[in-house]
C-alpha atoms as a PDB file:
ATOM      1  CA  MET A   1       0.000   0.000   0.000  1.00  0.00           C
ATOM      2  CA  SER A   2       1.137   3.548  -0.691  1.00  0.00           C
ATOM      3  CA  ASN A   3       1.779   6.036   2.091  1.00  0.00           C
ATOM      4  CA  PRO A   4      -1.160   8.482   2.045  1.00  0.00           C
ATOM      5  CA  ASP A   5       0.886  11.405   3.374  1.00  0.00           C
ATOM      6  CA  VAL A   6       3.583  11.596   0.706  1.00  0.00           C
ATOM      7  CA  CYS A   7       3.802  12.269  -3.004  1.00  0.00           C
ATOM      8  CA  ARG A   8       5.866  10.002  -5.204  1.00  0.00           C
ATOM      9  CA  ASP A   9       8.338  11.169  -7.796  1.00  0.00           C
ATOM     10  CA  ARG A  10      10.599   9.029  -9.940  1.00  0.00           C
ATOM     11  CA  TYR A  11      13.318   9.562  -7.296  1.00  0.00           C
ATOM     12  CA  GLY A  12      11.252   8.650  -4.249  1.00  0.00           C
ATOM     13  CA  SER A  13       8.502   9.803  -1.935  1.00  0.00           C
ATOM     14  CA  PHE A  14       8.415  13.259  -0.382  1.00  0.00           C
ATOM     15  CA  GLN A  15       6.269  15.302   1.957  1.00  0.00           C
ATOM     16  CA  PRO A  16       3.978  17.485  -0.215  1.00  0.00           C
ATOM     17  CA  ASP A  17       5.788  20.760   0.549  1.00  0.00           C
ATOM     18  CA  VAL A  18       9.161  19.236  -0.391  1.00  0.00           C
ATOM     19  CA  PHE A  19       7.651  17.464  -3.422  1.00  0.00           C
ATOM     20  CA  LYS A  20       6.359  20.802  -4.738  1.00  0.00           C
ATOM     21  CA  LEU A  21       9.805  22.408  -4.636  1.00  0.00           C
ATOM     22  CA  PHE A  22      11.747  19.343  -5.763  1.00  0.00           C
ATOM     23  CA  SER A  23       9.463  18.664  -8.732  1.00  0.00           C
ATOM     24  CA  CYS A  24       9.633  22.326  -9.808  1.00  0.00           C
ATOM     25  CA  SER A  25      13.407  22.223  -9.632  1.00  0.00           C
ATOM     26  CA  MET A  26      13.396  19.075 -11.746  1.00  0.00           C
ATOM     27  CA  CYS A  27      10.877  20.568 -14.228  1.00  0.00           C
ATOM     28  CA  TYR A  28      13.481  23.250 -14.926  1.00  0.00           C
ATOM     29  CA  THR A  29      16.171  20.616 -15.432  1.00  0.00           C
ATOM     30  CA  TYR A  30      14.065  18.353 -17.665  1.00  0.00           C
ATOM     31  CA  LEU A  31      12.630  21.158 -19.786  1.00  0.00           C
ATOM     32  CA  PHE A  32      15.898  23.061 -20.248  1.00  0.00           C
ATOM     33  CA  PRO A  33      18.714  20.502 -20.096  1.00  0.00           C
ATOM     34  CA  ARG A  34      21.122  22.540 -22.203  1.00  0.00           C
ATOM     35  CA  GLU A  35      19.914  26.113 -22.381  1.00  0.00           C
ATOM     36  CA  GLY A  36      18.904  26.623 -18.742  1.00  0.00           C
ATOM     37  CA  HIS A  37      21.196  28.834 -16.682  1.00  0.00           C
ATOM     38  CA  LEU A  38      20.257  27.060 -13.443  1.00  0.00           C
ATOM     39  CA  GLU A  39      20.478  23.529 -12.070  1.00  0.00           C
ATOM     40  CA  PRO A  40      19.380  21.830  -8.845  1.00  0.00           C
ATOM     41  CA  ASN A  41      21.744  22.330  -5.931  1.00  0.00           C
ATOM     42  CA  SER A  42      23.424  18.974  -5.300  1.00  0.00           C
ATOM     43  CA  THR A  43      22.948  19.250  -1.516  1.00  0.00           C
ATOM     44  CA  SER A  44      19.523  20.923  -1.566  1.00  0.00           C
ATOM     45  CA  PRO A  45      17.745  20.026  -4.830  1.00  0.00           C
ATOM     46  CA  THR A  46      14.707  22.162  -3.965  1.00  0.00           C
ATOM     47  CA  HIS A  47      16.919  25.143  -4.837  1.00  0.00           C
ATOM     48  CA  LEU A  48      18.380  26.103  -8.185  1.00  0.00           C
ATOM     49  CA  VAL A  49      21.932  27.419  -8.460  1.00  0.00           C
ATOM     50  CA  PRO A  50      23.851  28.962 -11.377  1.00  0.00           C
ATOM     51  CA  ARG A  51      25.165  26.498 -13.941  1.00  0.00           C
ATOM     52  CA  ASP A  52      26.511  29.109 -16.308  1.00  0.00           C
ATOM     53  CA  PRO A  53      29.114  31.663 -15.151  1.00  0.00           C
ATOM     54  CA  ASP A  54      27.874  33.975 -17.923  1.00  0.00           C
ATOM     55  CA  GLY A  55      24.251  33.699 -16.773  1.00  0.00           C
ATOM     56  CA  PRO A  56      22.229  36.319 -14.902  1.00  0.00           C
ATOM     57  CA  TYR A  57      23.263  35.164 -11.412  1.00  0.00           C
ATOM     58  CA  PRO A  58      26.699  35.082  -9.793  1.00  0.00           C
ATOM     59  CA  GLU A  59      28.156  31.957  -8.226  1.00  0.00           C
ATOM     60  CA  GLY A  60      26.764  31.411  -4.738  1.00  0.00           C
ATOM     61  CA  THR A  61      23.236  32.480  -5.674  1.00  0.00           C
ATOM     62  CA  SER A  62      20.472  30.079  -4.673  1.00  0.00           C
ATOM     63  CA  VAL A  63      16.901  30.371  -5.945  1.00  0.00           C
ATOM     64  CA  ILE A  64      14.105  28.328  -4.382  1.00  0.00           C
ATOM     65  CA  ALA A  65      12.021  26.612  -7.065  1.00  0.00           C
ATOM     66  CA  ASP A  66       8.654  27.714  -5.666  1.00  0.00           C
ATOM     67  CA  VAL A  67       6.074  28.361  -8.369  1.00  0.00           C
ATOM     68  CA  GLU A  68       3.658  29.714  -5.737  1.00  0.00           C
ATOM     69  CA  ASN A  69       6.089  32.463  -4.670  1.00  0.00           C
ATOM     70  CA  SER A  70       6.055  35.393  -7.110  1.00  0.00           C
ATOM     71  CA  ASN A  71       9.587  36.518  -6.171  1.00  0.00           C
ATOM     72  CA  ALA A  72      10.957  33.026  -6.776  1.00  0.00           C
ATOM     73  CA  VAL A  73       9.086  32.758 -10.092  1.00  0.00           C
ATOM     74  CA  HIS A  74      10.521  36.110 -11.181  1.00  0.00           C
ATOM     75  CA  LYS A  75      14.063  34.981 -10.320  1.00  0.00           C
ATOM     76  CA  VAL A  76      13.728  31.661 -12.137  1.00  0.00           C
ATOM     77  CA  CYS A  77      11.988  33.203 -15.134  1.00  0.00           C
ATOM     78  CA  LYS A  78      14.730  35.831 -15.420  1.00  0.00           C
ATOM     79  CA  THR A  79      16.793  32.980 -16.923  1.00  0.00           C
ATOM     80  CA  LEU A  80      14.109  32.012 -19.475  1.00  0.00           C
ATOM     81  CA  THR A  81      12.156  33.472 -22.357  1.00  0.00           C
ATOM     82  CA  SER A  82       8.535  34.348 -21.662  1.00  0.00           C
ATOM     83  CA  ASP A  83       7.343  31.196 -23.452  1.00  0.00           C
ATOM     84  CA  ASP A  84       9.806  29.004 -21.560  1.00  0.00           C
ATOM     85  CA  CYS A  85       8.785  30.597 -18.268  1.00  0.00           C
ATOM     86  CA  SER A  86       5.201  29.653 -19.070  1.00  0.00           C
ATOM     87  CA  ARG A  87       6.263  26.082 -19.885  1.00  0.00           C
ATOM     88  CA  TRP A  88       8.162  25.831 -16.589  1.00  0.00           C
ATOM     89  CA  THR A  89       5.272  27.147 -14.491  1.00  0.00           C
ATOM     90  CA  ARG A  90       2.798  24.819 -16.258  1.00  0.00           C
ATOM     91  CA  CYS A  91       5.056  21.835 -15.517  1.00  0.00           C
ATOM     92  CA  CYS A  92       5.292  22.881 -11.859  1.00  0.00           C
ATOM     93  CA  HIS A  93       1.520  23.263 -11.573  1.00  0.00           C
ATOM     94  CA  ALA A  94       1.010  19.867 -13.225  1.00  0.00           C
ATOM     95  CA  ALA A  95       3.339  18.314 -10.635  1.00  0.00           C
ATOM     96  CA  ILE A  96       1.403  19.954  -7.798  1.00  0.00           C
ATOM     97  CA  ARG A  97      -1.900  18.695  -9.251  1.00  0.00           C
ATOM     98  CA  CYS A  98      -0.362  15.222  -9.485  1.00  0.00           C
ATOM     99  CA  CYS A  99       0.671  15.363  -5.832  1.00  0.00           C
ATOM    100  CA  ASN A 100      -2.849  16.420  -4.841  1.00  0.00           C
ATOM    101  CA  ARG A 101      -4.273  13.576  -6.925  1.00  0.00           C
ATOM    102  CA  GLN A 102      -1.907  11.113  -5.256  1.00  0.00           C
ATOM    103  CA  LEU A 103      -2.968  12.338  -1.821  1.00  0.00           C
ATOM    104  CA  ASN A 104      -6.686  12.208  -2.621  1.00  0.00           C
ATOM    105  CA  GLU A 105      -6.959   8.904  -4.476  1.00  0.00           C
ATOM    106  CA  PRO A 106      -7.952   6.012  -2.240  1.00  0.00           C
ATOM    107  CA  LEU A 107      -5.167   3.613  -1.398  1.00  0.00           C
ATOM    108  CA  ARG A 108      -5.211   0.269  -3.152  1.00  0.00           C
ATOM    109  CA  ASN A 109      -6.532  -2.418  -0.888  1.00  0.00           C
ATOM    110  CA  THR A 110      -4.801  -5.313  -2.550  1.00  0.00           C
ATOM    111  CA  THR A 111      -1.956  -7.704  -2.099  1.00  0.00           C
ATOM    112  CA  ASP A 112      -1.447  -7.918  -5.867  1.00  0.00           C
ATOM    113  CA  LEU A 113       1.649  -6.433  -7.429  1.00  0.00           C
ATOM    114  CA  PHE A 114       1.247  -2.950  -8.865  1.00  0.00           C
ATOM    115  CA  CYS A 115       3.285   0.056  -9.860  1.00  0.00           C
ATOM    116  CA  PRO A 116       2.587   2.930  -7.453  1.00  0.00           C
ATOM    117  CA  ARG A 117       1.232   6.332  -8.428  1.00  0.00           C
ATOM    118  CA  THR A 118       4.108   8.467  -9.678  1.00  0.00           C
ATOM    119  CA  TRP A 119       5.022  11.846 -11.119  1.00  0.00           C
ATOM    120  CA  ASP A 120       7.729  10.987 -13.659  1.00  0.00           C
ATOM    121  CA  GLY A 121       8.923  14.538 -14.251  1.00  0.00           C
ATOM    122  CA  PHE A 122       6.555  15.221 -17.153  1.00  0.00           C
ATOM    123  CA  GLY A 123       3.308  13.408 -16.370  1.00  0.00           C
ATOM    124  CA  CYS A 124       1.176  11.832 -13.670  1.00  0.00           C
ATOM    125  CA  PHE A 125       0.499   8.127 -13.462  1.00  0.00           C
ATOM    126  CA  GLY A 126      -1.960   6.471 -11.106  1.00  0.00           C
ATOM    127  CA  ASP A 127      -1.521   3.085  -9.460  1.00  0.00           C
ATOM    128  CA  THR A 128      -1.206   0.543 -12.255  1.00  0.00           C
ATOM    129  CA  ASP A 129      -1.444  -3.235 -12.191  1.00  0.00           C
ATOM    130  CA  ALA A 130       1.863  -4.963 -12.830  1.00  0.00           C
ATOM    131  CA  SER A 131       2.574  -5.750 -16.501  1.00  0.00           C
ATOM    132  CA  GLN A 132       0.022  -3.173 -17.691  1.00  0.00           C
ATOM    133  CA  ARG A 133       0.816  -0.244 -19.959  1.00  0.00           C
ATOM    134  CA  VAL A 134      -0.452   3.213 -19.208  1.00  0.00           C
ATOM    135  CA  HIS A 135      -0.742   6.012 -21.727  1.00  0.00           C
ATOM    136  CA  ILE A 136      -1.059   9.716 -21.061  1.00  0.00           C
ATOM    137  CA  ASN A 137      -1.350  12.659 -23.416  1.00  0.00           C
ATOM    138  CA  CYS A 138       1.861  14.536 -24.099  1.00  0.00           C
ATOM    139  CA  PRO A 139       1.677  17.736 -22.036  1.00  0.00           C
ATOM    140  CA  LEU A 140       1.908  20.989 -23.978  1.00  0.00           C
ATOM    141  CA  TYR A 141       4.810  22.239 -21.843  1.00  0.00           C
ATOM    142  CA  ILE A 142       7.072  19.600 -23.421  1.00  0.00           C
ATOM    143  CA  GLU A 143       9.309  21.045 -26.133  1.00  0.00           C
ATOM    144  CA  HIS A 144       7.907  20.284 -29.591  1.00  0.00           C
ATOM    145  CA  ALA A 145       4.571  19.149 -28.125  1.00  0.00           C
ATOM    146  CA  SER A 146       1.720  19.768 -30.511  1.00  0.00           C
ATOM    147  CA  PRO A 147      -1.853  20.457 -29.436  1.00  0.00           C
ATOM    148  CA  TRP A 148      -2.900  18.572 -32.578  1.00  0.00           C
ATOM    149  CA  GLY A 149      -1.039  15.376 -31.699  1.00  0.00           C
ATOM    150  CA  LYS A 150       1.230  15.483 -34.754  1.00  0.00           C
END
């Protein structure tokens, strides 16, 4: 059975407040693997630190990846175009919705094998029976995603 008080990410289970920050930090990393000026802090991955010495922030700067804090959003989005900022915030909000879904879905009452509910960094998956495939729509915040499915 899943723990009802935590949200699961591909890296593990976290308290909801930590999940929110960690998943937002990882949204930045997944969406902007090459062009992003920030990266998760290796000792505190809920914070983003400069990756690029020529970027907008000097070494030693730490920005919390909190999409619900307007100052933090401004600091993160200072490193992105307007469109990319929108993609990042949509990914963060999708992760938060996934966490809420995980917390609100009833726990499986089964001894059968299953894959637990998980945010994989791009999408939300519910509990799934072992050996079953699950499909989700490609979110529009993914680079090259098309609203027409092409």
